[in-house]
């Protein structure tokens, strides 16, 4: 029998790990967010979809960033997506998101993340992934969470390797990344996996 969360969680919810705080981004986070994104432009854009033509530069447009925050709040309210800023010691260091949440017989979502290059290699992203998996399976009652990684993105691959998330094969030309249709390695965890591994994962990372 399929289960669903009674209602979408409030956008005000915070997820707290051992070192990492996850919360929704707010318009007043603009200065921190823009500074990190500008500093990491070359580090991040090679792994991201191309910007839409005539799209505003969010790092230079406070109003456009505020609209992005409000749009993401709306996905929380509709139960279709859950976006979090990652914070360590009060400092913004990246984002992690559950996207394309689907209910019915599927009960699935896609998880994506990015981190400030200056903060990479400290285990913050695996910690954040465990927090979001806990949220996905225990608060949202999803059955499956998937992560897709470009094969040459070794740092992102290292995250799923550290957590021993199951590899399910290569999807050819899966997503448009920086103007190129890139193959992705697909990884997944189900609620059954989480039930079996949650004690060990939370003990190790949270």
N, C-alpha and C. Protein backbone atom coordinates (compact mmCIF):
# COMPACT_ATOMS: atom_id res chain seq x y z
N UNK A 1 0.85 -1.19 0.00
CA UNK A 1 0.00 0.00 0.00
C UNK A 1 0.88 1.23 0.00
N UNK A 2 0.52 2.22 -0.79
CA UNK A 2 1.30 3.44 -0.89
C UNK A 2 0.96 4.37 0.26
N UNK A 3 1.99 4.98 0.86
CA UNK A 3 1.75 5.95 1.92
C UNK A 3 2.23 7.31 1.47
N UNK A 4 1.61 8.35 2.01
CA UNK A 4 2.02 9.72 1.72
C UNK A 4 2.03 10.51 3.01
N UNK A 5 2.82 11.57 3.04
CA UNK A 5 2.79 12.47 4.18
C UNK A 5 1.43 13.13 4.26
N UNK A 6 0.93 13.37 5.47
CA UNK A 6 -0.40 13.94 5.64
C UNK A 6 -0.52 15.30 4.97
N UNK A 7 0.50 16.10 5.08
CA UNK A 7 0.52 17.42 4.42
C UNK A 7 1.97 17.81 4.23
N UNK A 8 2.25 18.68 3.21
CA UNK A 8 3.64 19.10 3.00
C UNK A 8 4.18 19.80 4.24
N UNK A 9 5.42 19.50 4.65
CA UNK A 9 6.01 20.19 5.80
C UNK A 9 6.12 21.69 5.53
N UNK A 10 6.13 22.47 6.59
CA UNK A 10 6.26 23.91 6.48
C UNK A 10 7.63 24.30 5.94
N UNK A 11 7.70 25.37 5.10
CA UNK A 11 9.02 25.86 4.68
C UNK A 11 9.88 26.37 5.83
N UNK A 12 9.29 26.52 7.02
CA UNK A 12 10.04 27.01 8.16
C UNK A 12 10.89 25.91 8.81
N UNK A 13 10.72 24.66 8.37
CA UNK A 13 11.42 23.56 9.01
C UNK A 13 12.93 23.67 8.81
N UNK A 14 13.69 23.34 9.85
CA UNK A 14 15.15 23.26 9.79
C UNK A 14 15.57 21.82 10.04
N UNK A 15 16.63 21.39 9.35
CA UNK A 15 17.21 20.08 9.58
C UNK A 15 18.61 20.29 10.13
N UNK A 16 18.89 19.72 11.29
CA UNK A 16 20.15 19.97 11.98
C UNK A 16 20.94 18.68 12.11
N UNK A 17 22.15 18.70 11.56
CA UNK A 17 23.06 17.58 11.69
C UNK A 17 24.12 17.83 12.74
N UNK A 18 25.21 17.11 12.66
CA UNK A 18 26.30 17.26 13.61
C UNK A 18 26.97 18.63 13.45
N UNK A 19 27.12 19.08 12.21
CA UNK A 19 27.76 20.37 11.94
C UNK A 19 26.94 21.24 11.01
N UNK A 20 26.10 20.63 10.20
CA UNK A 20 25.40 21.31 9.11
C UNK A 20 23.96 21.62 9.50
N UNK A 21 23.53 22.84 9.22
CA UNK A 21 22.14 23.24 9.34
C UNK A 21 21.58 23.40 7.93
N UNK A 22 20.43 22.79 7.69
CA UNK A 22 19.73 22.95 6.42
C UNK A 22 18.44 23.72 6.68
N UNK A 23 18.24 24.77 5.92
CA UNK A 23 16.99 25.53 5.99
C UNK A 23 16.73 26.16 4.64
N UNK A 24 15.48 26.58 4.42
CA UNK A 24 15.15 27.24 3.16
C UNK A 24 15.92 28.56 3.07
N UNK A 25 16.24 28.93 1.85
CA UNK A 25 16.87 30.24 1.63
C UNK A 25 15.82 31.33 1.68
N UNK A 26 16.20 32.49 2.24
CA UNK A 26 15.32 33.65 2.36
C UNK A 26 15.92 34.82 1.58
N UNK A 27 15.10 35.79 1.22
CA UNK A 27 15.65 36.95 0.50
C UNK A 27 16.81 37.62 1.22
N UNK A 28 16.82 37.60 2.55
CA UNK A 28 17.92 38.26 3.27
C UNK A 28 19.21 37.44 3.26
N UNK A 29 19.20 36.26 2.61
CA UNK A 29 20.44 35.50 2.41
C UNK A 29 21.17 35.94 1.14
N UNK A 30 20.63 36.92 0.45
CA UNK A 30 21.17 37.29 -0.87
C UNK A 30 22.67 37.58 -0.85
N UNK A 31 23.13 38.38 0.10
CA UNK A 31 24.53 38.80 0.09
C UNK A 31 25.46 37.60 0.22
N UNK A 32 25.16 36.70 1.17
CA UNK A 32 26.00 35.51 1.34
C UNK A 32 25.93 34.61 0.12
N UNK A 33 24.72 34.35 -0.35
CA UNK A 33 24.53 33.45 -1.49
C UNK A 33 25.24 33.98 -2.73
N UNK A 34 25.06 35.27 -3.01
CA UNK A 34 25.66 35.86 -4.21
C UNK A 34 27.18 35.83 -4.13
N UNK A 35 27.74 36.10 -2.96
CA UNK A 35 29.20 36.10 -2.81
C UNK A 35 29.76 34.71 -3.09
N UNK A 36 29.11 33.67 -2.55
CA UNK A 36 29.59 32.30 -2.77
C UNK A 36 29.45 31.92 -4.23
N UNK A 37 28.32 32.24 -4.84
CA UNK A 37 28.12 31.89 -6.24
C UNK A 37 29.10 32.61 -7.16
N UNK A 38 29.36 33.89 -6.90
CA UNK A 38 30.32 34.63 -7.75
C UNK A 38 31.71 34.03 -7.61
N UNK A 39 32.12 33.72 -6.40
CA UNK A 39 33.45 33.17 -6.16
C UNK A 39 33.62 31.79 -6.79
N UNK A 40 32.52 31.06 -6.93
CA UNK A 40 32.56 29.69 -7.42
C UNK A 40 32.03 29.53 -8.84
N UNK A 41 31.96 30.62 -9.57
CA UNK A 41 31.34 30.56 -10.90
C UNK A 41 31.96 29.47 -11.77
N UNK A 42 33.28 29.48 -11.91
CA UNK A 42 33.93 28.50 -12.78
C UNK A 42 33.85 27.08 -12.21
N UNK A 43 33.88 26.97 -10.90
CA UNK A 43 33.82 25.68 -10.21
C UNK A 43 32.46 25.00 -10.42
N UNK A 44 31.36 25.81 -10.51
CA UNK A 44 30.02 25.25 -10.53
C UNK A 44 29.39 25.14 -11.91
N UNK A 45 29.62 26.13 -12.77
CA UNK A 45 28.85 26.17 -14.01
C UNK A 45 29.14 25.00 -14.95
N UNK A 46 30.31 24.39 -14.82
CA UNK A 46 30.61 23.22 -15.68
C UNK A 46 29.73 22.03 -15.33
N UNK A 47 29.04 22.05 -14.18
CA UNK A 47 28.20 20.93 -13.75
C UNK A 47 26.72 21.29 -13.74
N UNK A 48 26.35 22.44 -14.26
CA UNK A 48 24.97 22.90 -14.16
C UNK A 48 24.36 23.12 -15.54
N UNK A 49 23.01 23.02 -15.63
CA UNK A 49 22.34 23.33 -16.89
C UNK A 49 22.62 24.77 -17.32
N UNK A 50 22.56 25.00 -18.62
CA UNK A 50 22.75 26.35 -19.14
C UNK A 50 21.63 27.26 -18.65
N UNK A 51 21.96 28.51 -18.44
CA UNK A 51 20.93 29.49 -18.07
C UNK A 51 20.00 29.74 -19.25
N UNK A 52 18.75 30.03 -18.95
CA UNK A 52 17.80 30.36 -20.01
C UNK A 52 18.18 31.69 -20.65
N UNK A 53 17.90 31.86 -21.96
CA UNK A 53 18.19 33.14 -22.61
C UNK A 53 17.48 34.29 -21.89
N UNK A 54 18.21 35.37 -21.71
CA UNK A 54 17.67 36.59 -21.08
C UNK A 54 17.31 36.40 -19.60
N UNK A 55 17.75 35.31 -19.00
CA UNK A 55 17.50 35.13 -17.56
C UNK A 55 18.33 36.13 -16.77
N UNK A 56 17.78 36.68 -15.68
CA UNK A 56 18.56 37.63 -14.88
C UNK A 56 19.73 36.96 -14.20
N UNK A 57 20.76 37.73 -13.95
CA UNK A 57 21.90 37.24 -13.19
C UNK A 57 21.53 37.31 -11.70
N UNK A 58 21.26 36.16 -11.11
CA UNK A 58 20.79 36.14 -9.73
C UNK A 58 21.83 36.68 -8.77
N UNK A 59 23.11 36.60 -9.13
CA UNK A 59 24.15 37.10 -8.23
C UNK A 59 24.21 38.62 -8.22
N UNK A 60 23.54 39.26 -9.17
CA UNK A 60 23.57 40.72 -9.26
C UNK A 60 22.20 41.34 -9.06
N UNK A 61 21.17 40.53 -8.95
CA UNK A 61 19.79 41.03 -8.93
C UNK A 61 19.09 40.52 -7.67
N UNK A 62 19.05 41.36 -6.65
CA UNK A 62 18.44 40.97 -5.37
C UNK A 62 16.97 40.61 -5.55
N UNK A 63 16.27 41.35 -6.40
CA UNK A 63 14.85 41.07 -6.63
C UNK A 63 14.62 39.72 -7.27
N UNK A 64 15.48 39.36 -8.23
CA UNK A 64 15.34 38.06 -8.89
C UNK A 64 15.63 36.93 -7.90
N UNK A 65 16.60 37.15 -7.01
CA UNK A 65 16.89 36.14 -5.99
C UNK A 65 15.70 35.98 -5.05
N UNK A 66 15.06 37.09 -4.68
CA UNK A 66 13.89 37.01 -3.82
C UNK A 66 12.76 36.23 -4.49
N UNK A 67 12.57 36.46 -5.79
CA UNK A 67 11.54 35.71 -6.52
C UNK A 67 11.87 34.22 -6.54
N UNK A 68 13.15 33.89 -6.68
CA UNK A 68 13.57 32.49 -6.63
C UNK A 68 13.22 31.87 -5.27
N UNK A 69 13.48 32.60 -4.19
CA UNK A 69 13.15 32.11 -2.86
C UNK A 69 11.64 31.88 -2.73
N UNK A 70 10.84 32.83 -3.21
CA UNK A 70 9.38 32.71 -3.10
C UNK A 70 8.88 31.54 -3.95
N UNK A 71 9.48 31.35 -5.13
CA UNK A 71 9.09 30.23 -5.98
C UNK A 71 9.37 28.90 -5.30
N UNK A 72 10.52 28.81 -4.63
CA UNK A 72 10.85 27.57 -3.93
C UNK A 72 9.96 27.35 -2.72
N UNK A 73 9.55 28.44 -2.05
CA UNK A 73 8.58 28.30 -0.97
C UNK A 73 7.27 27.71 -1.51
N UNK A 74 6.90 28.13 -2.72
CA UNK A 74 5.67 27.63 -3.33
C UNK A 74 5.76 26.14 -3.60
N UNK A 75 6.93 25.65 -4.03
CA UNK A 75 7.06 24.21 -4.27
C UNK A 75 6.94 23.43 -2.96
N UNK A 76 7.42 24.02 -1.85
CA UNK A 76 7.20 23.40 -0.54
C UNK A 76 5.70 23.27 -0.27
N UNK A 77 4.97 24.36 -0.50
CA UNK A 77 3.55 24.37 -0.19
C UNK A 77 2.78 23.38 -1.06
N UNK A 78 3.23 23.18 -2.30
CA UNK A 78 2.58 22.24 -3.21
C UNK A 78 3.07 20.81 -3.00
N UNK A 79 4.17 20.65 -2.27
CA UNK A 79 4.73 19.33 -2.03
C UNK A 79 5.46 18.76 -3.23
N UNK A 80 5.95 19.63 -4.12
CA UNK A 80 6.62 19.15 -5.34
C UNK A 80 8.14 19.30 -5.30
N UNK A 81 8.65 20.02 -4.32
CA UNK A 81 10.10 20.20 -4.22
C UNK A 81 10.46 20.83 -2.89
N UNK A 82 11.66 20.50 -2.40
CA UNK A 82 12.11 20.97 -1.09
C UNK A 82 13.56 21.39 -1.21
N UNK A 83 13.78 22.70 -1.19
CA UNK A 83 15.12 23.25 -1.34
C UNK A 83 15.68 23.75 -0.02
N UNK A 84 16.96 23.48 0.20
CA UNK A 84 17.62 23.89 1.44
C UNK A 84 18.93 24.59 1.12
N UNK A 85 19.23 25.65 1.86
CA UNK A 85 20.58 26.17 1.92
C UNK A 85 21.34 25.38 2.97
N UNK A 86 22.64 25.18 2.72
CA UNK A 86 23.51 24.52 3.70
C UNK A 86 24.29 25.59 4.45
N UNK A 87 24.28 25.51 5.77
CA UNK A 87 24.97 26.48 6.61
C UNK A 87 25.85 25.75 7.62
N UNK A 88 27.05 26.26 7.81
CA UNK A 88 27.97 25.76 8.83
C UNK A 88 28.44 26.95 9.65
N UNK A 89 28.20 26.92 10.94
CA UNK A 89 28.59 28.04 11.80
C UNK A 89 27.96 29.36 11.37
N UNK A 90 26.75 29.30 10.84
CA UNK A 90 26.05 30.50 10.40
C UNK A 90 26.44 30.98 9.02
N UNK A 91 27.38 30.31 8.36
CA UNK A 91 27.86 30.71 7.04
C UNK A 91 27.25 29.83 5.96
N UNK A 92 26.73 30.45 4.92
CA UNK A 92 26.17 29.72 3.79
C UNK A 92 27.30 29.03 3.02
N UNK A 93 27.12 27.72 2.72
CA UNK A 93 28.19 26.99 2.02
C UNK A 93 27.70 26.25 0.77
N UNK A 94 26.39 26.23 0.52
CA UNK A 94 25.92 25.52 -0.67
C UNK A 94 24.43 25.24 -0.58
N UNK A 95 23.96 24.40 -1.48
CA UNK A 95 22.54 24.05 -1.53
C UNK A 95 22.37 22.56 -1.73
N UNK A 96 21.23 22.05 -1.24
CA UNK A 96 20.84 20.67 -1.48
C UNK A 96 19.32 20.66 -1.64
N UNK A 97 18.84 19.94 -2.65
CA UNK A 97 17.44 20.04 -3.02
C UNK A 97 16.86 18.68 -3.36
N UNK A 98 15.62 18.47 -2.93
CA UNK A 98 14.80 17.37 -3.42
C UNK A 98 13.89 17.95 -4.50
N UNK A 99 14.06 17.50 -5.73
CA UNK A 99 13.33 18.05 -6.86
C UNK A 99 12.38 17.03 -7.45
N UNK A 100 11.40 17.53 -8.19
CA UNK A 100 10.47 16.68 -8.96
C UNK A 100 9.86 15.58 -8.11
N UNK A 101 9.33 15.97 -6.95
CA UNK A 101 8.68 15.00 -6.08
C UNK A 101 7.40 14.52 -6.76
N UNK A 102 7.29 13.21 -6.90
CA UNK A 102 6.11 12.61 -7.53
C UNK A 102 5.48 11.62 -6.57
N UNK A 103 4.15 11.67 -6.52
CA UNK A 103 3.40 10.82 -5.59
C UNK A 103 2.74 9.66 -6.37
N UNK A 104 1.56 9.27 -5.98
CA UNK A 104 0.89 8.16 -6.62
C UNK A 104 1.67 6.87 -6.44
N UNK A 105 1.76 6.10 -7.52
CA UNK A 105 2.44 4.81 -7.45
C UNK A 105 3.96 4.94 -7.43
N UNK A 106 4.47 6.17 -7.71
CA UNK A 106 5.92 6.35 -7.88
C UNK A 106 6.61 6.71 -6.56
N UNK A 107 6.12 7.73 -5.85
CA UNK A 107 6.68 8.15 -4.56
C UNK A 107 8.19 8.36 -4.66
N UNK A 108 8.60 9.22 -5.58
CA UNK A 108 10.01 9.38 -5.95
C UNK A 108 10.40 10.85 -5.92
N UNK A 109 11.69 11.09 -5.71
CA UNK A 109 12.25 12.44 -5.84
C UNK A 109 13.69 12.32 -6.29
N UNK A 110 14.23 13.43 -6.80
CA UNK A 110 15.61 13.50 -7.26
C UNK A 110 16.37 14.45 -6.34
N UNK A 111 17.55 14.04 -5.93
CA UNK A 111 18.36 14.82 -4.99
C UNK A 111 19.57 15.39 -5.72
N UNK A 112 19.79 16.70 -5.55
CA UNK A 112 20.96 17.35 -6.12
C UNK A 112 21.61 18.26 -5.10
N UNK A 113 22.91 18.55 -5.29
CA UNK A 113 23.63 19.35 -4.31
C UNK A 113 24.81 20.05 -4.98
N UNK A 114 25.23 21.16 -4.35
CA UNK A 114 26.49 21.81 -4.71
C UNK A 114 27.06 22.46 -3.45
N UNK A 115 28.38 22.64 -3.44
CA UNK A 115 29.04 23.19 -2.26
C UNK A 115 30.14 24.16 -2.69
N UNK A 116 30.38 25.14 -1.88
CA UNK A 116 31.48 26.09 -2.05
C UNK A 116 32.80 25.32 -2.14
N UNK A 117 33.60 25.62 -3.16
CA UNK A 117 34.87 24.93 -3.33
C UNK A 117 35.74 25.03 -2.09
N UNK A 118 35.68 26.18 -1.41
CA UNK A 118 36.50 26.36 -0.21
C UNK A 118 36.08 25.44 0.93
N UNK A 119 34.86 24.87 0.84
CA UNK A 119 34.35 23.99 1.90
C UNK A 119 34.36 22.53 1.49
N UNK A 120 34.73 22.24 0.25
CA UNK A 120 34.70 20.87 -0.24
C UNK A 120 35.73 20.01 0.50
N UNK A 121 35.44 18.74 0.59
CA UNK A 121 36.38 17.80 1.20
C UNK A 121 36.28 17.68 2.70
N UNK A 122 35.31 18.36 3.32
CA UNK A 122 35.15 18.31 4.78
C UNK A 122 34.02 17.41 5.25
N UNK A 123 33.36 16.72 4.33
CA UNK A 123 32.27 15.83 4.70
C UNK A 123 30.95 16.52 4.95
N UNK A 124 30.85 17.81 4.60
CA UNK A 124 29.59 18.51 4.83
C UNK A 124 28.47 18.00 3.92
N UNK A 125 28.80 17.70 2.66
CA UNK A 125 27.75 17.27 1.74
C UNK A 125 27.21 15.89 2.10
N UNK A 126 28.05 14.89 2.38
CA UNK A 126 27.46 13.61 2.84
C UNK A 126 26.56 13.77 4.06
N UNK A 127 26.97 14.62 4.99
CA UNK A 127 26.13 14.87 6.17
C UNK A 127 24.79 15.45 5.75
N UNK A 128 24.82 16.42 4.83
CA UNK A 128 23.58 17.03 4.35
C UNK A 128 22.72 16.02 3.59
N UNK A 129 23.34 15.15 2.81
CA UNK A 129 22.59 14.13 2.08
C UNK A 129 21.86 13.20 3.05
N UNK A 130 22.53 12.79 4.13
CA UNK A 130 21.87 11.92 5.11
C UNK A 130 20.70 12.64 5.76
N UNK A 131 20.87 13.92 6.08
CA UNK A 131 19.76 14.70 6.64
C UNK A 131 18.56 14.72 5.69
N UNK A 132 18.82 14.93 4.41
CA UNK A 132 17.72 15.02 3.44
C UNK A 132 17.10 13.65 3.19
N UNK A 133 17.90 12.59 3.18
CA UNK A 133 17.33 11.25 3.05
C UNK A 133 16.43 10.94 4.24
N UNK A 134 16.86 11.30 5.44
CA UNK A 134 16.03 11.09 6.62
C UNK A 134 14.71 11.85 6.48
N UNK A 135 14.78 13.08 6.03
CA UNK A 135 13.59 13.92 5.80
C UNK A 135 12.70 13.27 4.73
N UNK A 136 13.30 12.81 3.64
CA UNK A 136 12.53 12.25 2.53
C UNK A 136 11.76 11.00 2.94
N UNK A 137 12.41 10.11 3.68
CA UNK A 137 11.79 8.85 4.01
C UNK A 137 10.92 8.91 5.26
N UNK A 138 11.32 9.73 6.24
CA UNK A 138 10.60 9.73 7.51
C UNK A 138 9.55 10.83 7.61
N UNK A 139 9.81 12.00 7.01
CA UNK A 139 8.82 13.08 7.05
C UNK A 139 7.91 13.09 5.83
N UNK A 140 8.48 12.81 4.66
CA UNK A 140 7.70 12.86 3.42
C UNK A 140 7.12 11.51 3.03
N UNK A 141 7.61 10.44 3.64
CA UNK A 141 7.15 9.08 3.33
C UNK A 141 7.33 8.73 1.86
N UNK A 142 8.43 9.19 1.27
CA UNK A 142 8.76 8.79 -0.09
C UNK A 142 9.26 7.35 -0.10
N UNK A 143 9.17 6.73 -1.26
CA UNK A 143 9.68 5.36 -1.37
C UNK A 143 11.06 5.31 -2.00
N UNK A 144 11.42 6.33 -2.79
CA UNK A 144 12.67 6.24 -3.55
C UNK A 144 13.25 7.64 -3.74
N UNK A 145 14.56 7.76 -3.57
CA UNK A 145 15.29 9.00 -3.86
C UNK A 145 16.44 8.64 -4.80
N UNK A 146 16.57 9.42 -5.88
CA UNK A 146 17.59 9.15 -6.88
C UNK A 146 18.59 10.31 -6.97
N UNK A 147 19.82 9.99 -7.26
CA UNK A 147 20.89 10.96 -7.46
C UNK A 147 21.57 10.61 -8.79
N UNK A 148 21.76 11.61 -9.64
CA UNK A 148 22.42 11.39 -10.92
C UNK A 148 23.68 12.25 -10.99
N UNK A 149 24.80 11.63 -11.39
CA UNK A 149 26.09 12.30 -11.36
C UNK A 149 26.81 12.09 -12.69
N UNK A 150 27.35 13.17 -13.25
CA UNK A 150 28.18 13.06 -14.44
C UNK A 150 29.41 12.21 -14.09
N UNK A 151 29.75 11.20 -14.91
CA UNK A 151 30.83 10.28 -14.54
C UNK A 151 32.17 10.95 -14.22
N UNK A 152 32.48 12.08 -14.86
CA UNK A 152 33.76 12.72 -14.61
C UNK A 152 33.72 13.69 -13.43
N UNK A 153 32.55 13.82 -12.78
CA UNK A 153 32.43 14.69 -11.60
C UNK A 153 32.84 13.88 -10.37
N UNK A 154 34.15 13.74 -10.19
CA UNK A 154 34.67 12.84 -9.17
C UNK A 154 34.31 13.25 -7.75
N UNK A 155 34.20 14.55 -7.51
CA UNK A 155 33.86 14.98 -6.14
C UNK A 155 32.42 14.60 -5.79
N UNK A 156 31.48 14.76 -6.74
CA UNK A 156 30.11 14.34 -6.46
C UNK A 156 30.00 12.83 -6.33
N UNK A 157 30.77 12.12 -7.14
CA UNK A 157 30.78 10.66 -7.01
C UNK A 157 31.29 10.24 -5.65
N UNK A 158 32.25 10.98 -5.13
CA UNK A 158 32.81 10.63 -3.83
C UNK A 158 31.75 10.70 -2.73
N UNK A 159 30.79 11.61 -2.87
CA UNK A 159 29.72 11.72 -1.88
C UNK A 159 28.91 10.43 -1.81
N UNK A 160 28.44 9.94 -2.97
CA UNK A 160 27.62 8.73 -2.95
C UNK A 160 28.45 7.51 -2.57
N UNK A 161 29.74 7.52 -2.92
CA UNK A 161 30.61 6.41 -2.52
C UNK A 161 30.78 6.36 -1.01
N UNK A 162 30.96 7.54 -0.38
CA UNK A 162 31.11 7.57 1.08
C UNK A 162 29.88 6.99 1.78
N UNK A 163 28.71 7.22 1.18
CA UNK A 163 27.46 6.77 1.79
C UNK A 163 27.02 5.39 1.30
N UNK A 164 27.79 4.82 0.36
CA UNK A 164 27.47 3.50 -0.20
C UNK A 164 26.04 3.44 -0.73
N UNK A 165 25.67 4.49 -1.48
CA UNK A 165 24.35 4.51 -2.12
C UNK A 165 24.43 3.66 -3.39
N UNK A 166 23.42 2.86 -3.61
CA UNK A 166 23.43 1.86 -4.67
C UNK A 166 23.52 2.49 -6.07
N UNK A 167 24.46 2.00 -6.88
CA UNK A 167 24.57 2.42 -8.28
C UNK A 167 23.63 1.58 -9.13
N UNK A 168 22.93 2.24 -10.06
CA UNK A 168 21.94 1.54 -10.87
C UNK A 168 22.22 1.62 -12.37
N UNK A 169 23.39 2.10 -12.75
CA UNK A 169 23.75 2.11 -14.16
C UNK A 169 23.85 3.50 -14.75
N UNK A 170 24.19 3.54 -16.03
CA UNK A 170 24.40 4.81 -16.73
C UNK A 170 23.18 5.15 -17.60
N UNK A 171 22.71 6.36 -17.47
CA UNK A 171 21.67 6.90 -18.35
C UNK A 171 22.36 7.78 -19.39
N UNK A 172 22.30 7.38 -20.64
CA UNK A 172 23.01 8.09 -21.69
C UNK A 172 22.31 9.40 -22.04
N UNK A 173 23.13 10.44 -22.21
CA UNK A 173 22.63 11.78 -22.58
C UNK A 173 21.40 12.14 -21.73
N UNK A 174 21.58 12.07 -20.44
CA UNK A 174 20.47 12.15 -19.48
C UNK A 174 20.00 13.58 -19.22
N UNK A 175 20.96 14.49 -19.03
CA UNK A 175 20.62 15.88 -18.74
C UNK A 175 21.52 16.81 -19.54
N UNK A 176 20.98 17.99 -19.86
CA UNK A 176 21.79 19.03 -20.52
C UNK A 176 22.59 19.76 -19.45
N UNK A 177 23.89 19.67 -19.54
CA UNK A 177 24.79 20.29 -18.57
C UNK A 177 25.75 21.21 -19.31
N UNK A 178 25.66 22.50 -19.00
CA UNK A 178 26.55 23.49 -19.61
C UNK A 178 26.57 23.36 -21.14
N UNK A 179 25.39 23.14 -21.72
CA UNK A 179 25.25 23.10 -23.16
C UNK A 179 25.47 21.75 -23.81
N UNK A 180 25.76 20.71 -23.04
CA UNK A 180 26.04 19.39 -23.60
C UNK A 180 25.12 18.36 -22.94
N UNK A 181 24.55 17.46 -23.73
CA UNK A 181 23.76 16.36 -23.18
C UNK A 181 24.71 15.31 -22.61
N UNK A 182 24.79 15.28 -21.30
CA UNK A 182 25.78 14.46 -20.60
C UNK A 182 25.18 13.14 -20.11
N UNK A 183 25.98 12.06 -20.23
CA UNK A 183 25.64 10.82 -19.54
C UNK A 183 25.70 11.05 -18.04
N UNK A 184 24.88 10.30 -17.30
CA UNK A 184 24.91 10.36 -15.84
C UNK A 184 24.88 8.95 -15.28
N UNK A 185 25.63 8.75 -14.20
CA UNK A 185 25.50 7.52 -13.42
C UNK A 185 24.35 7.73 -12.44
N UNK A 186 23.44 6.78 -12.39
CA UNK A 186 22.27 6.92 -11.53
C UNK A 186 22.46 6.08 -10.26
N UNK A 187 22.17 6.72 -9.14
CA UNK A 187 22.23 6.08 -7.83
C UNK A 187 20.85 6.21 -7.18
N UNK A 188 20.52 5.30 -6.29
CA UNK A 188 19.20 5.37 -5.65
C UNK A 188 19.22 4.72 -4.28
N UNK A 189 18.29 5.19 -3.46
CA UNK A 189 18.00 4.55 -2.18
C UNK A 189 16.49 4.46 -2.06
N UNK A 190 15.99 3.35 -1.54
CA UNK A 190 14.57 3.18 -1.30
C UNK A 190 14.29 3.23 0.20
N UNK A 191 13.02 3.32 0.54
CA UNK A 191 12.65 3.34 1.95
C UNK A 191 13.06 2.05 2.65
N UNK A 192 13.07 0.92 1.90
CA UNK A 192 13.54 -0.33 2.48
C UNK A 192 15.03 -0.26 2.80
N UNK A 193 15.80 0.34 1.89
CA UNK A 193 17.23 0.55 2.15
C UNK A 193 17.41 1.43 3.38
N UNK A 194 16.63 2.51 3.44
CA UNK A 194 16.75 3.43 4.57
C UNK A 194 16.43 2.74 5.89
N UNK A 195 15.37 1.93 5.90
CA UNK A 195 15.01 1.22 7.12
C UNK A 195 16.15 0.32 7.58
N UNK A 196 16.83 -0.29 6.62
CA UNK A 196 17.92 -1.20 6.95
C UNK A 196 19.18 -0.47 7.39
N UNK A 197 19.43 0.72 6.82
CA UNK A 197 20.71 1.39 7.01
C UNK A 197 20.64 2.66 7.84
N UNK A 198 19.46 3.13 8.21
CA UNK A 198 19.33 4.45 8.83
C UNK A 198 20.09 4.57 10.15
N UNK A 199 20.07 3.53 10.96
CA UNK A 199 20.76 3.61 12.25
C UNK A 199 22.25 3.84 12.03
N UNK A 200 22.84 3.09 11.12
CA UNK A 200 24.27 3.23 10.87
C UNK A 200 24.60 4.58 10.22
N UNK A 201 23.77 5.00 9.26
CA UNK A 201 24.05 6.27 8.57
C UNK A 201 23.92 7.46 9.52
N UNK A 202 22.89 7.46 10.33
CA UNK A 202 22.72 8.60 11.24
C UNK A 202 23.79 8.59 12.34
N UNK A 203 24.18 7.41 12.79
CA UNK A 203 25.25 7.35 13.80
C UNK A 203 26.57 7.86 13.24
N UNK A 204 26.83 7.55 11.97
CA UNK A 204 28.10 7.94 11.35
C UNK A 204 28.15 9.41 10.98
N UNK A 205 27.01 10.00 10.61
CA UNK A 205 27.03 11.34 10.02
C UNK A 205 26.27 12.39 10.80
N UNK A 206 25.32 11.99 11.62
CA UNK A 206 24.50 12.99 12.32
C UNK A 206 24.76 12.98 13.83
